[in-house]
PDB file of N, CA and C in Angstrom:
ATOM      1  N   MET A   1      -6.928   9.041 -35.314  1.00  0.00           N
ATOM      2  CA  MET A   1      -6.464   9.587 -34.067  1.00  0.00           C
ATOM      3  C   MET A   1      -5.919   8.457 -33.190  1.00  0.00           C
ATOM      4  N   GLU A   2      -4.725   8.626 -32.669  1.00  0.00           N
ATOM      5  CA  GLU A   2      -4.092   7.600 -31.838  1.00  0.00           C
ATOM      6  C   GLU A   2      -4.567   7.724 -30.405  1.00  0.00           C
ATOM      7  N   SER A   3      -4.748   6.567 -29.772  1.00  0.00           N
ATOM      8  CA  SER A   3      -5.128   6.576 -28.357  1.00  0.00           C
ATOM      9  C   SER A   3      -3.868   6.714 -27.511  1.00  0.00           C
ATOM     10  N   PRO A   4      -3.987   7.320 -26.329  1.00  0.00           N
ATOM     11  CA  PRO A   4      -2.804   7.475 -25.472  1.00  0.00           C
ATOM     12  C   PRO A   4      -2.288   6.128 -24.990  1.00  0.00           C
ATOM     13  N   ALA A   5      -1.008   6.083 -24.693  1.00  0.00           N
ATOM     14  CA  ALA A   5      -0.379   4.850 -24.199  1.00  0.00           C
ATOM     15  C   ALA A   5      -1.014   4.466 -22.873  1.00  0.00           C
ATOM     16  N   PRO A   6      -1.273   3.158 -22.656  1.00  0.00           N
ATOM     17  CA  PRO A   6      -1.886   2.739 -21.391  1.00  0.00           C
ATOM     18  C   PRO A   6      -0.950   2.954 -20.215  1.00  0.00           C
ATOM     19  N   GLU A   7      -1.541   3.229 -19.078  1.00  0.00           N
ATOM     20  CA  GLU A   7      -0.752   3.392 -17.858  1.00  0.00           C
ATOM     21  C   GLU A   7      -0.195   2.040 -17.439  1.00  0.00           C
ATOM     22  N   THR A   8       0.907   2.064 -16.714  1.00  0.00           N
ATOM     23  CA  THR A   8       1.493   0.824 -16.211  1.00  0.00           C
ATOM     24  C   THR A   8       1.428   0.842 -14.699  1.00  0.00           C
ATOM     25  N   ALA A   9       0.949  -0.247 -14.120  1.00  0.00           N
ATOM     26  CA  ALA A   9       0.857  -0.356 -12.661  1.00  0.00           C
ATOM     27  C   ALA A   9       1.299  -1.733 -12.240  1.00  0.00           C
ATOM     28  N   SER A  10       1.881  -1.819 -11.080  1.00  0.00           N
ATOM     29  CA  SER A  10       2.238  -3.106 -10.505  1.00  0.00           C
ATOM     30  C   SER A  10       1.243  -3.346  -9.380  1.00  0.00           C
ATOM     31  N   ALA A  11       0.663  -4.526  -9.333  1.00  0.00           N
ATOM     32  CA  ALA A  11      -0.403  -4.757  -8.356  1.00  0.00           C
ATOM     33  C   ALA A  11      -0.285  -6.125  -7.716  1.00  0.00           C
ATOM     34  N   LEU A  12      -0.812  -6.215  -6.527  1.00  0.00           N
ATOM     35  CA  LEU A  12      -0.948  -7.509  -5.876  1.00  0.00           C
ATOM     36  C   LEU A  12      -2.148  -8.203  -6.500  1.00  0.00           C
ATOM     37  N   ALA A  13      -2.148  -9.503  -6.471  1.00  0.00           N
ATOM     38  CA  ALA A  13      -3.263 -10.251  -7.049  1.00  0.00           C
ATOM     39  C   ALA A  13      -4.535  -9.970  -6.275  1.00  0.00           C
ATOM     40  N   THR A  14      -5.543  -9.528  -6.996  1.00  0.00           N
ATOM     41  CA  THR A  14      -6.860  -9.326  -6.426  1.00  0.00           C
ATOM     42  C   THR A  14      -7.801 -10.151  -7.264  1.00  0.00           C
ATOM     43  N   SER A  15      -8.459 -11.098  -6.655  1.00  0.00           N
ATOM     44  CA  SER A  15      -9.321 -11.949  -7.456  1.00  0.00           C
ATOM     45  C   SER A  15     -10.667 -12.154  -6.789  1.00  0.00           C
ATOM     46  N   VAL A  16     -11.651 -12.369  -7.625  1.00  0.00           N
ATOM     47  CA  VAL A  16     -12.999 -12.686  -7.186  1.00  0.00           C
ATOM     48  C   VAL A  16     -13.355 -14.005  -7.839  1.00  0.00           C
ATOM     49  N   PHE A  17     -13.596 -15.026  -7.053  1.00  0.00           N
ATOM     50  CA  PHE A  17     -13.902 -16.354  -7.571  1.00  0.00           C
ATOM     51  C   PHE A  17     -12.844 -16.830  -8.561  1.00  0.00           C
ATOM     52  N   GLY A  18     -11.571 -16.561  -8.261  1.00  0.00           N
ATOM     53  CA  GLY A  18     -10.481 -17.021  -9.104  1.00  0.00           C
ATOM     54  C   GLY A  18     -10.222 -16.173 -10.336  1.00  0.00           C
ATOM     55  N   ARG A  19     -10.918 -15.063 -10.502  1.00  0.00           N
ATOM     56  CA  ARG A  19     -10.715 -14.182 -11.653  1.00  0.00           C
ATOM     57  C   ARG A  19      -9.986 -12.922 -11.202  1.00  0.00           C
ATOM     58  N   GLN A  20      -9.110 -12.436 -12.045  1.00  0.00           N
ATOM     59  CA  GLN A  20      -8.317 -11.249 -11.744  1.00  0.00           C
ATOM     60  C   GLN A  20      -9.157  -9.992 -11.946  1.00  0.00           C
ATOM     61  N   GLN A  21      -8.941  -8.977 -11.106  1.00  0.00           N
ATOM     62  CA  GLN A  21      -9.607  -7.690 -11.268  1.00  0.00           C
ATOM     63  C   GLN A  21      -8.576  -6.608 -11.522  1.00  0.00           C
ATOM     64  N   CYS A  22      -8.952  -5.621 -12.325  1.00  0.00           N
ATOM     65  CA  CYS A  22      -8.089  -4.473 -12.597  1.00  0.00           C
ATOM     66  C   CYS A  22      -7.928  -3.665 -11.315  1.00  0.00           C
ATOM     67  N   PRO A  23      -6.684  -3.271 -10.965  1.00  0.00           N
ATOM     68  CA  PRO A  23      -6.469  -2.496  -9.742  1.00  0.00           C
ATOM     69  C   PRO A  23      -6.990  -1.065  -9.849  1.00  0.00           C
ATOM     70  N   GLU A  24      -7.233  -0.561 -11.073  1.00  0.00           N
ATOM     71  CA  GLU A  24      -7.731   0.800 -11.264  1.00  0.00           C
ATOM     72  C   GLU A  24      -9.245   0.874 -11.230  1.00  0.00           C
ATOM     73  N   CYS A  25      -9.915   0.050 -12.054  1.00  0.00           N
ATOM     74  CA  CYS A  25     -11.364   0.182 -12.220  1.00  0.00           C
ATOM     75  C   CYS A  25     -12.152  -1.029 -11.724  1.00  0.00           C
ATOM     76  N   ALA A  26     -11.472  -2.072 -11.253  1.00  0.00           N
ATOM     77  CA  ALA A  26     -12.082  -3.291 -10.709  1.00  0.00           C
ATOM     78  C   ALA A  26     -12.834  -4.114 -11.761  1.00  0.00           C
ATOM     79  N   HIS A  27     -12.561  -3.880 -13.036  1.00  0.00           N
ATOM     80  CA  HIS A  27     -13.155  -4.700 -14.096  1.00  0.00           C
ATOM     81  C   HIS A  27     -12.583  -6.115 -13.981  1.00  0.00           C
ATOM     82  N   THR A  28     -13.446  -7.138 -14.103  1.00  0.00           N
ATOM     83  CA  THR A  28     -13.002  -8.524 -14.005  1.00  0.00           C
ATOM     84  C   THR A  28     -12.374  -8.969 -15.318  1.00  0.00           C
ATOM     85  N   LEU A  29     -11.153  -9.508 -15.232  1.00  0.00           N
ATOM     86  CA  LEU A  29     -10.410  -9.971 -16.403  1.00  0.00           C
ATOM     87  C   LEU A  29     -10.440 -11.495 -16.440  1.00  0.00           C
ATOM     88  N   VAL A  30     -10.455 -12.054 -17.641  1.00  0.00           N
ATOM     89  CA  VAL A  30     -10.590 -13.497 -17.791  1.00  0.00           C
ATOM     90  C   VAL A  30      -9.239 -14.199 -17.912  1.00  0.00           C
ATOM     91  N   ALA A  31      -8.353 -13.669 -18.742  1.00  0.00           N
ATOM     92  CA  ALA A  31      -7.070 -14.337 -18.999  1.00  0.00           C
ATOM     93  C   ALA A  31      -5.966 -13.303 -19.165  1.00  0.00           C
ATOM     94  N   PRO A  32      -4.739 -13.645 -18.751  1.00  0.00           N
ATOM     95  CA  PRO A  32      -3.624 -12.707 -18.928  1.00  0.00           C
ATOM     96  C   PRO A  32      -3.227 -12.593 -20.394  1.00  0.00           C
ATOM     97  N   ASP A  33      -2.592 -11.473 -20.734  1.00  0.00           N
ATOM     98  CA  ASP A  33      -2.074 -11.285 -22.093  1.00  0.00           C
ATOM     99  C   ASP A  33      -0.886 -12.199 -22.354  1.00  0.00           C
ATOM    100  N   ALA A  34      -0.085 -12.411 -21.308  1.00  0.00           N
ATOM    101  CA  ALA A  34       1.099 -13.273 -21.431  1.00  0.00           C
ATOM    102  C   ALA A  34       1.446 -13.840 -20.053  1.00  0.00           C
ATOM    103  N   SER A  35       2.100 -14.984 -20.063  1.00  0.00           N
ATOM    104  CA  SER A  35       2.572 -15.606 -18.826  1.00  0.00           C
ATOM    105  C   SER A  35       4.035 -15.982 -19.008  1.00  0.00           C
ATOM    106  N   GLN A  36       4.813 -15.834 -17.943  1.00  0.00           N
ATOM    107  CA  GLN A  36       6.248 -16.111 -18.008  1.00  0.00           C
ATOM    108  C   GLN A  36       6.635 -17.060 -16.884  1.00  0.00           C
ATOM    109  N   TYR A  37       7.302 -18.139 -17.248  1.00  0.00           N
ATOM    110  CA  TYR A  37       7.855 -19.087 -16.289  1.00  0.00           C
ATOM    111  C   TYR A  37       9.103 -18.449 -15.697  1.00  0.00           C
ATOM    112  N   VAL A  38       9.078 -18.175 -14.394  1.00  0.00           N
ATOM    113  CA  VAL A  38      10.208 -17.515 -13.736  1.00  0.00           C
ATOM    114  C   VAL A  38      11.135 -18.541 -13.097  1.00  0.00           C
ATOM    115  N   SER A  39      10.563 -19.486 -12.372  1.00  0.00           N
ATOM    116  CA  SER A  39      11.328 -20.555 -11.744  1.00  0.00           C
ATOM    117  C   SER A  39      10.400 -21.753 -11.553  1.00  0.00           C
ATOM    118  N   GLU A  40      10.909 -22.774 -10.908  1.00  0.00           N
ATOM    119  CA  GLU A  40      10.144 -24.012 -10.740  1.00  0.00           C
ATOM    120  C   GLU A  40       8.775 -23.783 -10.109  1.00  0.00           C
ATOM    121  N   HIS A  41       8.670 -22.814  -9.221  1.00  0.00           N
ATOM    122  CA  HIS A  41       7.420 -22.599  -8.490  1.00  0.00           C
ATOM    123  C   HIS A  41       6.826 -21.207  -8.682  1.00  0.00           C
ATOM    124  N   VAL A  42       7.321 -20.423  -9.623  1.00  0.00           N
ATOM    125  CA  VAL A  42       6.845 -19.048  -9.784  1.00  0.00           C
ATOM    126  C   VAL A  42       6.503 -18.753 -11.249  1.00  0.00           C
ATOM    127  N   ILE A  43       5.311 -18.159 -11.455  1.00  0.00           N
ATOM    128  CA  ILE A  43       4.867 -17.739 -12.784  1.00  0.00           C
ATOM    129  C   ILE A  43       4.397 -16.294 -12.688  1.00  0.00           C
ATOM    130  N   LYS A  44       4.810 -15.461 -13.658  1.00  0.00           N
ATOM    131  CA  LYS A  44       4.353 -14.078 -13.735  1.00  0.00           C
ATOM    132  C   LYS A  44       3.341 -13.955 -14.860  1.00  0.00           C
ATOM    133  N   HIS A  45       2.259 -13.222 -14.585  1.00  0.00           N
ATOM    134  CA  HIS A  45       1.239 -12.961 -15.591  1.00  0.00           C
ATOM    135  C   HIS A  45       1.223 -11.469 -15.907  1.00  0.00           C
ATOM    136  N   GLN A  46       1.106 -11.119 -17.195  1.00  0.00           N
ATOM    137  CA  GLN A  46       0.980  -9.729 -17.633  1.00  0.00           C
ATOM    138  C   GLN A  46      -0.467  -9.518 -18.069  1.00  0.00           C
ATOM    139  N   TRP A  47      -1.080  -8.483 -17.526  1.00  0.00           N
ATOM    140  CA  TRP A  47      -2.488  -8.190 -17.765  1.00  0.00           C
ATOM    141  C   TRP A  47      -2.653  -6.804 -18.364  1.00  0.00           C
ATOM    142  N   SER A  48      -3.713  -6.597 -19.121  1.00  0.00           N
ATOM    143  CA  SER A  48      -4.112  -5.256 -19.539  1.00  0.00           C
ATOM    144  C   SER A  48      -5.632  -5.211 -19.516  1.00  0.00           C
ATOM    145  N   CYS A  49      -6.157  -4.124 -18.967  1.00  0.00           N
ATOM    146  CA  CYS A  49      -7.598  -3.956 -18.828  1.00  0.00           C
ATOM    147  C   CYS A  49      -8.157  -3.350 -20.101  1.00  0.00           C
ATOM    148  N   GLU A  50      -9.156  -4.011 -20.690  1.00  0.00           N
ATOM    149  CA  GLU A  50      -9.740  -3.480 -21.913  1.00  0.00           C
ATOM    150  C   GLU A  50     -10.668  -2.297 -21.646  1.00  0.00           C
ATOM    151  N   CYS A  51     -11.052  -2.081 -20.380  1.00  0.00           N
ATOM    152  CA  CYS A  51     -11.923  -0.943 -20.057  1.00  0.00           C
ATOM    153  C   CYS A  51     -11.137   0.364 -19.871  1.00  0.00           C
ATOM    154  N   CYS A  52     -10.092   0.334 -19.037  1.00  0.00           N
ATOM    155  CA  CYS A  52      -9.371   1.582 -18.733  1.00  0.00           C
ATOM    156  C   CYS A  52      -7.946   1.623 -19.290  1.00  0.00           C
ATOM    157  N   GLY A  53      -7.444   0.493 -19.819  1.00  0.00           N
ATOM    158  CA  GLY A  53      -6.113   0.481 -20.423  1.00  0.00           C
ATOM    159  C   GLY A  53      -4.962   0.265 -19.455  1.00  0.00           C
ATOM    160  N   THR A  54      -5.236   0.068 -18.170  1.00  0.00           N
ATOM    161  CA  THR A  54      -4.175  -0.158 -17.188  1.00  0.00           C
ATOM    162  C   THR A  54      -3.473  -1.486 -17.463  1.00  0.00           C
ATOM    163  N   GLU A  55      -2.163  -1.471 -17.409  1.00  0.00           N
ATOM    164  CA  GLU A  55      -1.361  -2.683 -17.559  1.00  0.00           C
ATOM    165  C   GLU A  55      -0.685  -2.974 -16.223  1.00  0.00           C
ATOM    166  N   PHE A  56      -0.655  -4.261 -15.836  1.00  0.00           N
ATOM    167  CA  PHE A  56      -0.043  -4.642 -14.567  1.00  0.00           C
ATOM    168  C   PHE A  56       0.394  -6.098 -14.633  1.00  0.00           C
ATOM    169  N   THR A  57       1.205  -6.499 -13.662  1.00  0.00           N
ATOM    170  CA  THR A  57       1.671  -7.879 -13.586  1.00  0.00           C
ATOM    171  C   THR A  57       1.286  -8.465 -12.232  1.00  0.00           C
ATOM    172  N   THR A  58       1.104  -9.773 -12.214  1.00  0.00           N
ATOM    173  CA  THR A  58       0.890 -10.500 -10.968  1.00  0.00           C
ATOM    174  C   THR A  58       1.873 -11.663 -10.931  1.00  0.00           C
ATOM    175  N   THR A  59       2.209 -12.101  -9.750  1.00  0.00           N
ATOM    176  CA  THR A  59       3.112 -13.229  -9.561  1.00  0.00           C
ATOM    177  C   THR A  59       2.379 -14.308  -8.788  1.00  0.00           C
ATOM    178  N   VAL A  60       2.466 -15.533  -9.279  1.00  0.00           N
ATOM    179  CA  VAL A  60       1.809 -16.666  -8.640  1.00  0.00           C
ATOM    180  C   VAL A  60       2.872 -17.630  -8.148  1.00  0.00           C
ATOM    181  N   SER A  61       2.767 -17.995  -6.868  1.00  0.00           N
ATOM    182  CA  SER A  61       3.668 -18.981  -6.293  1.00  0.00           C
ATOM    183  C   SER A  61       2.932 -20.308  -6.240  1.00  0.00           C
ATOM    184  N   LEU A  62       3.505 -21.328  -6.833  1.00  0.00           N
ATOM    185  CA  LEU A  62       2.887 -22.640  -6.868  1.00  0.00           C
ATOM    186  C   LEU A  62       3.361 -23.538  -5.732  1.00  0.00           C
ATOM    187  N   ARG A  63       4.219 -23.017  -4.912  1.00  0.00           N
ATOM    188  CA  ARG A  63       4.779 -23.791  -3.807  1.00  0.00           C
ATOM    189  C   ARG A  63       3.764 -23.903  -2.679  1.00  0.00           C
ATOM    190  N   ARG A  64       3.575 -25.105  -2.181  1.00  0.00           N
ATOM    191  CA  ARG A  64       2.685 -25.307  -1.045  1.00  0.00           C
ATOM    192  C   ARG A  64       3.358 -24.828   0.221  1.00  0.00           C
ATOM    193  N   ARG A  65       2.550 -24.386   1.139  1.00  0.00           N
ATOM    194  CA  ARG A  65       3.104 -23.975   2.439  1.00  0.00           C
ATOM    195  C   ARG A  65       3.586 -25.226   3.163  1.00  0.00           C
ATOM    196  N   GLN A  66       4.772 -25.135   3.683  1.00  0.00           N
ATOM    197  CA  GLN A  66       5.327 -26.259   4.425  1.00  0.00           C
ATOM    198  C   GLN A  66       4.991 -26.067   5.899  1.00  0.00           C
ATOM    199  N   SER A  67       4.468 -27.106   6.500  1.00  0.00           N
ATOM    200  CA  SER A  67       4.133 -26.989   7.924  1.00  0.00           C
ATOM    201  C   SER A  67       5.401 -27.168   8.752  1.00  0.00           C
ATOM    202  N   CYS A  68       5.489 -26.392   9.792  1.00  0.00           N
ATOM    203  CA  CYS A  68       6.636 -26.487  10.710  1.00  0.00           C
ATOM    204  C   CYS A  68       6.229 -27.362  11.882  1.00  0.00           C
ATOM    205  N   ARG A  69       6.925 -28.429  12.062  1.00  0.00           N
ATOM    206  CA  ARG A  69       6.623 -29.328  13.179  1.00  0.00           C
ATOM    207  C   ARG A  69       7.873 -29.503  14.018  1.00  0.00           C
ATOM    208  N   SER A  70       7.668 -29.476  15.313  1.00  0.00           N
ATOM    209  CA  SER A  70       8.797 -29.777  16.185  1.00  0.00           C
ATOM    210  C   SER A  70       8.661 -31.236  16.618  1.00  0.00           C
ATOM    211  N   VAL A  71       9.785 -31.897  16.660  1.00  0.00           N
ATOM    212  CA  VAL A  71       9.790 -33.310  17.026  1.00  0.00           C
ATOM    213  C   VAL A  71      10.207 -33.422  18.483  1.00  0.00           C
ATOM    214  N   ALA A  72       9.331 -33.995  19.298  1.00  0.00           N
ATOM    215  CA  ALA A  72       9.626 -34.144  20.721  1.00  0.00           C
ATOM    216  C   ALA A  72      10.714 -35.195  20.928  1.00  0.00           C
ATOM    217  N   GLY A  73      11.659 -34.901  21.798  1.00  0.00           N
ATOM    218  CA  GLY A  73      12.726 -35.830  22.132  1.00  0.00           C
ATOM    219  C   GLY A  73      13.862 -35.833  21.118  1.00  0.00           C
ATOM    220  N   ALA A  74      13.861 -34.915  20.185  1.00  0.00           N
ATOM    221  CA  ALA A  74      14.929 -34.898  19.185  1.00  0.00           C
ATOM    222  C   ALA A  74      16.092 -34.076  19.654  1.00  0.00           C
TER     223      ALA A  74
END
């Protein structure tokens, strides 16, 4: 008997102590199924939950926040 195709969902990163959680059932996931280099500072991860079968992607930005400073007298 074949199992039904897993649902697909797009989700914002939700993590507990640096670990990803499923957006459907909140099961903690250890590692993504695949990772894709998008640009110099962006990586996409593809996840699938082994408990409920939900598939989703997260995007990680590796760029540091740049502080905005005004220079007096400039």
